[in-house]
């Protein structure tokens, strides 16, 4: 689930041309009017997004974006115009493992742009969580962030990592979203179950996603129910695509969490 399947006014019947995604990536290479995205340093590379008409006196929700398999932190530049250009500050850390390493490609490295993913090996999980908190610190250095309104969201492997990190630190996040990323396995993801039960979770699933079947989703829904987790699940008429309707829906979902969080202290 690492490409945007429909954009702008296109419907699912309008198959985008092969060049459309490339044109979009070029168009969204940096600034969007008063909103801006910049490459940041810190602990691993990250992309930092600032909202349009930024108000210094307002504490913004922060969206930490975990890019999909075979992507980079620059995926944030493509998705934020479809989520919101004004509601959030956003930051995206780079994945922990190069895609070529995961595929074990023999011979010299690819001459194309490097791409990354999120490994579930214990040492890589530790690095990922460190990069998440480093990215949060970078965002807080540049923008006014509401400390208790930090969301994690990710695509496929990034979605699994977003849930793992949020469940490991449920006191640090306002919610976590997975686009086609299965629930994490191993390393006791529910070790903080009582706190995790208070953490809102969102699962977006493509009905025809062969890598995350409906049968597997049903098994995980039973797990969520037995564990008492707060999971909102929505299914979409697509396969392993990141469709704009998913991004629109999570904007509404996060805003519902923000406006309903009456006990938040910024």
C-alpha atoms as a PDB file:
ATOM      1  CA  UNK A   1       0.000   0.000   0.000  1.00  0.00           C
ATOM      2  CA  UNK A   2       2.474   2.623  -1.123  1.00  0.00           C
ATOM      3  CA  UNK A   3       0.778   4.636  -3.866  1.00  0.00           C
ATOM      4  CA  UNK A   4      -2.067   7.106  -3.985  1.00  0.00           C
ATOM      5  CA  UNK A   5      -4.736   5.593  -6.207  1.00  0.00           C
ATOM      6  CA  UNK A   6      -6.996   8.578  -6.804  1.00  0.00           C
ATOM      7  CA  UNK A   7      -6.380  12.270  -6.465  1.00  0.00           C
ATOM      8  CA  UNK A   8      -8.218  15.561  -6.688  1.00  0.00           C
ATOM      9  CA  UNK A   9     -11.489  15.222  -8.603  1.00  0.00           C
ATOM     10  CA  UNK A  10     -10.726  11.784 -10.023  1.00  0.00           C
ATOM     11  CA  UNK A  11     -13.089   8.933  -9.228  1.00  0.00           C
ATOM     12  CA  UNK A  12     -12.228   5.267  -8.949  1.00  0.00           C
ATOM     13  CA  UNK A  13     -13.465   4.838 -12.534  1.00  0.00           C
ATOM     14  CA  UNK A  14     -10.862   7.314 -13.792  1.00  0.00           C
ATOM     15  CA  UNK A  15      -7.606   5.379 -13.871  1.00  0.00           C
ATOM     16  CA  UNK A  16      -4.794   7.955 -13.580  1.00  0.00           C
ATOM     17  CA  UNK A  17      -2.165   8.053 -16.292  1.00  0.00           C
ATOM     18  CA  UNK A  18       1.249   6.583 -15.604  1.00  0.00           C
ATOM     19  CA  UNK A  19       2.759  10.074 -15.493  1.00  0.00           C
ATOM     20  CA  UNK A  20       0.144  11.554 -13.148  1.00  0.00           C
ATOM     21  CA  UNK A  21       1.737  10.376  -9.895  1.00  0.00           C
ATOM     22  CA  UNK A  22       5.140  11.588 -11.061  1.00  0.00           C
ATOM     23  CA  UNK A  23       3.687  14.979 -11.950  1.00  0.00           C
ATOM     24  CA  UNK A  24       2.045  15.199  -8.535  1.00  0.00           C
ATOM     25  CA  UNK A  25       5.316  14.393  -6.771  1.00  0.00           C
ATOM     26  CA  UNK A  26       7.054  17.136  -8.746  1.00  0.00           C
ATOM     27  CA  UNK A  27       4.288  19.653  -8.034  1.00  0.00           C
ATOM     28  CA  UNK A  28       4.452  18.928  -4.295  1.00  0.00           C
ATOM     29  CA  UNK A  29       8.213  19.117  -3.991  1.00  0.00           C
ATOM     30  CA  UNK A  30       8.298  21.911  -1.431  1.00  0.00           C
ATOM     31  CA  UNK A  31       5.897  24.769  -0.768  1.00  0.00           C
ATOM     32  CA  UNK A  32       2.070  24.835  -0.960  1.00  0.00           C
ATOM     33  CA  UNK A  33       1.325  28.508  -0.678  1.00  0.00           C
ATOM     34  CA  UNK A  34       1.888  29.439   2.952  1.00  0.00           C
ATOM     35  CA  UNK A  35       2.346  25.799   3.955  1.00  0.00           C
ATOM     36  CA  UNK A  36       5.829  24.379   3.601  1.00  0.00           C
ATOM     37  CA  UNK A  37       7.696  21.106   3.790  1.00  0.00           C
ATOM     38  CA  UNK A  38      11.416  20.953   4.478  1.00  0.00           C
ATOM     39  CA  UNK A  39      13.998  18.210   4.851  1.00  0.00           C
ATOM     40  CA  UNK A  40      15.287  18.031   8.417  1.00  0.00           C
ATOM     41  CA  UNK A  41      18.259  16.352  10.028  1.00  0.00           C
ATOM     42  CA  UNK A  42      18.330  15.007  13.554  1.00  0.00           C
ATOM     43  CA  UNK A  43      18.432  11.303  14.350  1.00  0.00           C
ATOM     44  CA  UNK A  44      17.939  10.027  10.803  1.00  0.00           C
ATOM     45  CA  UNK A  45      16.505  12.149   8.003  1.00  0.00           C
ATOM     46  CA  UNK A  46      12.937  13.410   8.243  1.00  0.00           C
ATOM     47  CA  UNK A  47      10.523  15.696   6.417  1.00  0.00           C
ATOM     48  CA  UNK A  48       8.834  18.438   8.422  1.00  0.00           C
ATOM     49  CA  UNK A  49       5.558  20.037   7.306  1.00  0.00           C
ATOM     50  CA  UNK A  50       4.251  23.372   8.540  1.00  0.00           C
ATOM     51  CA  UNK A  51       0.566  24.324   8.035  1.00  0.00           C
ATOM     52  CA  UNK A  52      -0.817  27.171   5.975  1.00  0.00           C
ATOM     53  CA  UNK A  53      -1.558  30.347   7.969  1.00  0.00           C
ATOM     54  CA  UNK A  54       0.434  29.065  10.939  1.00  0.00           C
ATOM     55  CA  UNK A  55      -0.575  30.739  14.204  1.00  0.00           C
ATOM     56  CA  UNK A  56       2.178  30.871  16.815  1.00  0.00           C
ATOM     57  CA  UNK A  57      -0.266  31.147  19.728  1.00  0.00           C
ATOM     58  CA  UNK A  58      -2.210  28.007  18.799  1.00  0.00           C
ATOM     59  CA  UNK A  59      -0.980  24.592  19.955  1.00  0.00           C
ATOM     60  CA  UNK A  60      -1.298  22.380  16.859  1.00  0.00           C
ATOM     61  CA  UNK A  61      -1.924  18.668  16.753  1.00  0.00           C
ATOM     62  CA  UNK A  62       1.127  16.837  15.395  1.00  0.00           C
ATOM     63  CA  UNK A  63       0.895  14.003  12.875  1.00  0.00           C
ATOM     64  CA  UNK A  64       3.903  11.669  12.754  1.00  0.00           C
ATOM     65  CA  UNK A  65       3.787   9.891   9.381  1.00  0.00           C
ATOM     66  CA  UNK A  66       5.441   6.466   8.939  1.00  0.00           C
ATOM     67  CA  UNK A  67       5.926   6.019   5.213  1.00  0.00           C
ATOM     68  CA  UNK A  68       5.090   2.851   3.323  1.00  0.00           C
ATOM     69  CA  UNK A  69       7.332   0.036   2.160  1.00  0.00           C
ATOM     70  CA  UNK A  70       9.572   1.144  -0.693  1.00  0.00           C
ATOM     71  CA  UNK A  71       9.017   4.852   0.049  1.00  0.00           C
ATOM     72  CA  UNK A  72      10.883   7.536   1.975  1.00  0.00           C
ATOM     73  CA  UNK A  73      10.011  10.266   4.426  1.00  0.00           C
ATOM     74  CA  UNK A  74       9.127  12.451   1.411  1.00  0.00           C
ATOM     75  CA  UNK A  75       5.843  10.546   1.107  1.00  0.00           C
ATOM     76  CA  UNK A  76       4.584  13.096   3.631  1.00  0.00           C
ATOM     77  CA  UNK A  77       4.730  15.759   0.906  1.00  0.00           C
ATOM     78  CA  UNK A  78       2.208  13.790  -1.179  1.00  0.00           C
ATOM     79  CA  UNK A  79      -0.284  12.989   1.563  1.00  0.00           C
ATOM     80  CA  UNK A  80      -0.586  16.219   3.552  1.00  0.00           C
ATOM     81  CA  UNK A  81      -2.477  18.176   0.850  1.00  0.00           C
ATOM     82  CA  UNK A  82      -5.045  15.354   0.920  1.00  0.00           C
ATOM     83  CA  UNK A  83      -5.278  15.273   4.723  1.00  0.00           C
ATOM     84  CA  UNK A  84      -5.177  18.989   5.528  1.00  0.00           C
ATOM     85  CA  UNK A  85      -2.923  21.943   4.765  1.00  0.00           C
ATOM     86  CA  UNK A  86      -3.993  23.840   7.859  1.00  0.00           C
ATOM     87  CA  UNK A  87      -5.043  21.514  10.703  1.00  0.00           C
ATOM     88  CA  UNK A  88      -1.712  19.942  11.642  1.00  0.00           C
ATOM     89  CA  UNK A  89       1.999  20.192  11.887  1.00  0.00           C
ATOM     90  CA  UNK A  90       3.402  16.933  10.499  1.00  0.00           C
ATOM     91  CA  UNK A  91       6.726  15.156  10.461  1.00  0.00           C
ATOM     92  CA  UNK A  92       7.909  11.926   8.823  1.00  0.00           C
ATOM     93  CA  UNK A  93      11.035  10.018   9.880  1.00  0.00           C
ATOM     94  CA  UNK A  94      12.907   7.775   7.469  1.00  0.00           C
ATOM     95  CA  UNK A  95      12.468   3.990   7.664  1.00  0.00           C
ATOM     96  CA  UNK A  96      15.068   1.903   9.435  1.00  0.00           C
ATOM     97  CA  UNK A  97      16.055  -0.454   6.606  1.00  0.00           C
ATOM     98  CA  UNK A  98      16.708   0.110   2.918  1.00  0.00           C
ATOM     99  CA  UNK A  99      14.286  -1.774   0.709  1.00  0.00           C
ATOM    100  CA  UNK A 100      17.191  -3.345  -1.180  1.00  0.00           C
ATOM    101  CA  UNK A 101      18.445  -4.897   2.063  1.00  0.00           C
ATOM    102  CA  UNK A 102      15.043  -6.413   2.799  1.00  0.00           C
ATOM    103  CA  UNK A 103      14.850  -7.894  -0.690  1.00  0.00           C
ATOM    104  CA  UNK A 104      18.448  -9.147  -0.422  1.00  0.00           C
ATOM    105  CA  UNK A 105      19.258  -7.923  -3.892  1.00  0.00           C
ATOM    106  CA  UNK A 106      22.616  -9.270  -5.042  1.00  0.00           C
ATOM    107  CA  UNK A 107      25.232  -7.120  -6.701  1.00  0.00           C
ATOM    108  CA  UNK A 108      25.708  -3.332  -6.585  1.00  0.00           C
ATOM    109  CA  UNK A 109      23.127  -1.037  -5.072  1.00  0.00           C
ATOM    110  CA  UNK A 110      20.380   0.366  -7.266  1.00  0.00           C
ATOM    111  CA  UNK A 111      21.222   3.538  -9.167  1.00  0.00           C
ATOM    112  CA  UNK A 112      17.723   4.904  -8.538  1.00  0.00           C
ATOM    113  CA  UNK A 113      16.550   6.816  -5.502  1.00  0.00           C
ATOM    114  CA  UNK A 114      16.940   4.810  -2.290  1.00  0.00           C
ATOM    115  CA  UNK A 115      13.783   3.594  -0.590  1.00  0.00           C
ATOM    116  CA  UNK A 116      13.137   2.264   2.894  1.00  0.00           C
ATOM    117  CA  UNK A 117      10.833   0.239   5.093  1.00  0.00           C
ATOM    118  CA  UNK A 118      10.283  -0.546   8.771  1.00  0.00           C
ATOM    119  CA  UNK A 119      11.781  -3.778  10.082  1.00  0.00           C
ATOM    120  CA  UNK A 120      10.178  -5.570  13.029  1.00  0.00           C
ATOM    121  CA  UNK A 121      13.510  -6.915  14.295  1.00  0.00           C
ATOM    122  CA  UNK A 122      13.960  -5.906  17.946  1.00  0.00           C
ATOM    123  CA  UNK A 123      16.967  -3.684  17.303  1.00  0.00           C
ATOM    124  CA  UNK A 124      15.216  -1.977  14.365  1.00  0.00           C
ATOM    125  CA  UNK A 125      12.081  -1.380  16.454  1.00  0.00           C
ATOM    126  CA  UNK A 126      14.196   0.382  19.070  1.00  0.00           C
ATOM    127  CA  UNK A 127      15.761   2.576  16.376  1.00  0.00           C
ATOM    128  CA  UNK A 128      12.333   3.342  14.894  1.00  0.00           C
ATOM    129  CA  UNK A 129      10.926   4.495  18.224  1.00  0.00           C
ATOM    130  CA  UNK A 130      14.011   6.614  18.802  1.00  0.00           C
ATOM    131  CA  UNK A 131      13.526   8.229  15.379  1.00  0.00           C
ATOM    132  CA  UNK A 132       9.868   8.905  16.127  1.00  0.00           C
ATOM    133  CA  UNK A 133      10.650  10.788  19.321  1.00  0.00           C
ATOM    134  CA  UNK A 134      13.538  12.599  17.657  1.00  0.00           C
ATOM    135  CA  UNK A 135      11.170  13.708  14.881  1.00  0.00           C
ATOM    136  CA  UNK A 136       8.648  14.890  17.479  1.00  0.00           C
ATOM    137  CA  UNK A 137      11.393  16.938  19.141  1.00  0.00           C
ATOM    138  CA  UNK A 138      12.323  18.483  15.776  1.00  0.00           C
ATOM    139  CA  UNK A 139       8.718  19.504  15.191  1.00  0.00           C
ATOM    140  CA  UNK A 140       8.429  21.002  18.673  1.00  0.00           C
ATOM    141  CA  UNK A 141      11.587  23.044  18.123  1.00  0.00           C
ATOM    142  CA  UNK A 142      10.047  24.683  15.051  1.00  0.00           C
ATOM    143  CA  UNK A 143       6.331  24.846  15.876  1.00  0.00           C
ATOM    144  CA  UNK A 144       3.914  25.168  18.782  1.00  0.00           C
ATOM    145  CA  UNK A 145       2.721  21.589  19.359  1.00  0.00           C
ATOM    146  CA  UNK A 146      -0.011  20.357  21.706  1.00  0.00           C
ATOM    147  CA  UNK A 147       1.833  17.747  23.781  1.00  0.00           C
ATOM    148  CA  UNK A 148      -1.202  15.517  24.263  1.00  0.00           C
ATOM    149  CA  UNK A 149      -2.377  15.704  20.652  1.00  0.00           C
ATOM    150  CA  UNK A 150       0.332  13.753  18.872  1.00  0.00           C
ATOM    151  CA  UNK A 151      -0.889  11.135  16.397  1.00  0.00           C
ATOM    152  CA  UNK A 152       1.013   8.302  14.723  1.00  0.00           C
ATOM    153  CA  UNK A 153      -0.054   7.139  11.257  1.00  0.00           C
ATOM    154  CA  UNK A 154       1.544   4.777   8.790  1.00  0.00           C
ATOM    155  CA  UNK A 155       1.120   2.761   5.600  1.00  0.00           C
ATOM    156  CA  UNK A 156       1.559  -1.066   5.470  1.00  0.00           C
ATOM    157  CA  UNK A 157       4.839  -1.699   7.348  1.00  0.00           C
ATOM    158  CA  UNK A 158       4.690   1.898   8.576  1.00  0.00           C
ATOM    159  CA  UNK A 159       1.177   1.301   9.905  1.00  0.00           C
ATOM    160  CA  UNK A 160       2.334  -1.731  11.857  1.00  0.00           C
ATOM    161  CA  UNK A 161       5.207   0.308  13.293  1.00  0.00           C
ATOM    162  CA  UNK A 162       2.873   3.205  14.142  1.00  0.00           C
ATOM    163  CA  UNK A 163       0.665   0.878  16.185  1.00  0.00           C
ATOM    164  CA  UNK A 164       3.645  -0.801  17.846  1.00  0.00           C
ATOM    165  CA  UNK A 165       5.187   2.498  18.921  1.00  0.00           C
ATOM    166  CA  UNK A 166       1.871   3.911  20.135  1.00  0.00           C
ATOM    167  CA  UNK A 167       1.037   0.778  22.134  1.00  0.00           C
ATOM    168  CA  UNK A 168       4.523   0.771  23.659  1.00  0.00           C
ATOM    169  CA  UNK A 169       4.061   4.417  24.749  1.00  0.00           C
ATOM    170  CA  UNK A 170       0.283   4.934  25.023  1.00  0.00           C
ATOM    171  CA  UNK A 171       0.781   7.881  27.362  1.00  0.00           C
ATOM    172  CA  UNK A 172       2.670   9.812  24.668  1.00  0.00           C
ATOM    173  CA  UNK A 173       0.139   9.673  21.838  1.00  0.00           C
ATOM    174  CA  UNK A 174      -3.448  10.778  21.223  1.00  0.00           C
ATOM    175  CA  UNK A 175      -4.123   8.005  18.707  1.00  0.00           C
ATOM    176  CA  UNK A 176      -2.608   5.753  16.058  1.00  0.00           C
ATOM    177  CA  UNK A 177      -3.685   4.981  12.489  1.00  0.00           C
ATOM    178  CA  UNK A 178      -2.768   2.097  10.216  1.00  0.00           C
ATOM    179  CA  UNK A 179      -3.438   2.028   6.480  1.00  0.00           C
ATOM    180  CA  UNK A 180      -3.273  -1.666   5.653  1.00  0.00           C
ATOM    181  CA  UNK A 181      -0.649  -2.468   8.277  1.00  0.00           C
ATOM    182  CA  UNK A 182      -1.449  -5.575  10.363  1.00  0.00           C
ATOM    183  CA  UNK A 183      -1.355  -5.533  14.135  1.00  0.00           C
ATOM    184  CA  UNK A 184       2.244  -6.037  15.358  1.00  0.00           C
ATOM    185  CA  UNK A 185       3.344  -9.490  16.484  1.00  0.00           C
ATOM    186  CA  UNK A 186       6.070 -10.418  18.962  1.00  0.00           C
ATOM    187  CA  UNK A 187       7.646  -8.370  21.756  1.00  0.00           C
ATOM    188  CA  UNK A 188       4.337  -8.205  23.679  1.00  0.00           C
ATOM    189  CA  UNK A 189       2.631  -5.266  21.943  1.00  0.00           C
ATOM    190  CA  UNK A 190      -0.106  -5.287  24.600  1.00  0.00           C
ATOM    191  CA  UNK A 191       2.208  -5.245  27.610  1.00  0.00           C
ATOM    192  CA  UNK A 192       0.620  -1.917  28.680  1.00  0.00           C
ATOM    193  CA  UNK A 193      -2.911  -3.112  28.071  1.00  0.00           C
ATOM    194  CA  UNK A 194      -4.737  -0.980  30.652  1.00  0.00           C
ATOM    195  CA  UNK A 195      -3.289   2.214  29.164  1.00  0.00           C
ATOM    196  CA  UNK A 196      -3.659   0.916  25.613  1.00  0.00           C
ATOM    197  CA  UNK A 197      -7.399   0.514  26.134  1.00  0.00           C
ATOM    198  CA  UNK A 198      -7.658   4.292  26.411  1.00  0.00           C
ATOM    199  CA  UNK A 199      -5.753   4.856  23.143  1.00  0.00           C
ATOM    200  CA  UNK A 200      -7.951   5.479  20.047  1.00  0.00           C
ATOM    201  CA  UNK A 201      -6.875   3.360  17.063  1.00  0.00           C
ATOM    202  CA  UNK A 202      -7.960   3.546  13.429  1.00  0.00           C
ATOM    203  CA  UNK A 203      -7.573   0.798  10.818  1.00  0.00           C
ATOM    204  CA  UNK A 204      -8.150   1.530   7.118  1.00  0.00           C
ATOM    205  CA  UNK A 205      -8.373  -1.607   4.986  1.00  0.00           C
ATOM    206  CA  UNK A 206      -8.645  -2.133   1.244  1.00  0.00           C
ATOM    207  CA  UNK A 207     -11.223  -4.839   0.626  1.00  0.00           C
ATOM    208  CA  UNK A 208      -9.144  -6.420  -2.160  1.00  0.00           C
ATOM    209  CA  UNK A 209      -5.767  -6.143  -0.440  1.00  0.00           C
ATOM    210  CA  UNK A 210      -4.221  -9.586  -1.027  1.00  0.00           C
ATOM    211  CA  UNK A 211      -1.404  -8.967   1.442  1.00  0.00           C
ATOM    212  CA  UNK A 212      -3.862  -8.221   4.271  1.00  0.00           C
ATOM    213  CA  UNK A 213      -6.862 -10.425   3.593  1.00  0.00           C
ATOM    214  CA  UNK A 214     -10.366 -10.045   4.984  1.00  0.00           C
ATOM    215  CA  UNK A 215      -9.881 -13.306   6.892  1.00  0.00           C
ATOM    216  CA  UNK A 216      -6.813 -11.899   8.605  1.00  0.00           C
ATOM    217  CA  UNK A 217      -8.628  -8.666   9.360  1.00  0.00           C
ATOM    218  CA  UNK A 218     -11.456 -10.661  10.957  1.00  0.00           C
ATOM    219  CA  UNK A 219      -8.959 -12.474  13.181  1.00  0.00           C
ATOM    220  CA  UNK A 220      -7.486  -9.182  14.284  1.00  0.00           C
ATOM    221  CA  UNK A 221     -10.908  -7.690  14.977  1.00  0.00           C
ATOM    222  CA  UNK A 222     -11.542 -10.571  17.364  1.00  0.00           C
ATOM    223  CA  UNK A 223      -8.221  -9.776  19.065  1.00  0.00           C
ATOM    224  CA  UNK A 224      -9.181  -6.114  19.405  1.00  0.00           C
ATOM    225  CA  UNK A 225     -12.526  -7.073  20.934  1.00  0.00           C
ATOM    226  CA  UNK A 226     -11.065  -9.547  23.419  1.00  0.00           C
ATOM    227  CA  UNK A 227      -8.363  -7.063  24.437  1.00  0.00           C
ATOM    228  CA  UNK A 228     -10.877  -4.248  24.878  1.00  0.00           C
ATOM    229  CA  UNK A 229      -9.104  -1.888  22.467  1.00  0.00           C
ATOM    230  CA  UNK A 230     -10.772   1.218  20.988  1.00  0.00           C
ATOM    231  CA  UNK A 231     -10.476   0.458  17.264  1.00  0.00           C
ATOM    232  CA  UNK A 232     -12.378   2.213  14.484  1.00  0.00           C
ATOM    233  CA  UNK A 233     -12.157   0.125  11.312  1.00  0.00           C
ATOM    234  CA  UNK A 234     -13.237   1.224   7.840  1.00  0.00           C
ATOM    235  CA  UNK A 235     -13.037  -0.825   4.671  1.00  0.00           C
ATOM    236  CA  UNK A 236     -12.639   0.703   1.213  1.00  0.00           C
ATOM    237  CA  UNK A 237     -13.411  -0.672  -2.270  1.00  0.00           C
ATOM    238  CA  UNK A 238      -9.787  -0.921  -3.352  1.00  0.00           C
ATOM    239  CA  UNK A 239      -6.754  -3.138  -3.019  1.00  0.00           C
ATOM    240  CA  UNK A 240      -3.385  -2.202  -1.581  1.00  0.00           C
ATOM    241  CA  UNK A 241      -3.724   1.474  -2.420  1.00  0.00           C
ATOM    242  CA  UNK A 242      -3.607   4.570  -0.287  1.00  0.00           C
ATOM    243  CA  UNK A 243      -6.785   6.223  -1.533  1.00  0.00           C
ATOM    244  CA  UNK A 244      -7.535   9.920  -0.881  1.00  0.00           C
ATOM    245  CA  UNK A 245     -10.837   9.030   0.801  1.00  0.00           C
ATOM    246  CA  UNK A 246      -8.822   7.244   3.501  1.00  0.00           C
ATOM    247  CA  UNK A 247      -6.829  10.419   4.121  1.00  0.00           C
ATOM    248  CA  UNK A 248      -9.973  12.545   4.241  1.00  0.00           C
ATOM    249  CA  UNK A 249     -11.486  10.136   6.749  1.00  0.00           C
ATOM    250  CA  UNK A 250      -8.508  10.243   9.103  1.00  0.00           C
ATOM    251  CA  UNK A 251      -8.575  14.034   9.078  1.00  0.00           C
ATOM    252  CA  UNK A 252     -12.151  13.870  10.370  1.00  0.00           C
ATOM    253  CA  UNK A 253     -11.253  11.101  12.833  1.00  0.00           C
ATOM    254  CA  UNK A 254      -8.293  12.994  14.297  1.00  0.00           C
ATOM    255  CA  UNK A 255     -10.325  16.186  14.576  1.00  0.00           C
ATOM    256  CA  UNK A 256     -13.015  14.227  16.418  1.00  0.00           C
ATOM    257  CA  UNK A 257     -10.376  12.954  18.851  1.00  0.00           C
ATOM    258  CA  UNK A 258      -8.937  16.457  19.288  1.00  0.00           C
ATOM    259  CA  UNK A 259     -12.253  18.185  19.867  1.00  0.00           C
ATOM    260  CA  UNK A 260     -13.448  15.442  22.199  1.00  0.00           C
ATOM    261  CA  UNK A 261     -10.271  15.443  24.333  1.00  0.00           C
ATOM    262  CA  UNK A 262     -11.598  17.775  27.013  1.00  0.00           C
ATOM    263  CA  UNK A 263      -9.015  16.650  29.557  1.00  0.00           C
ATOM    264  CA  UNK A 264      -5.997  17.518  27.393  1.00  0.00           C
ATOM    265  CA  UNK A 265      -3.487  19.928  28.940  1.00  0.00           C
ATOM    266  CA  UNK A 266      -1.189  21.655  26.422  1.00  0.00           C
END
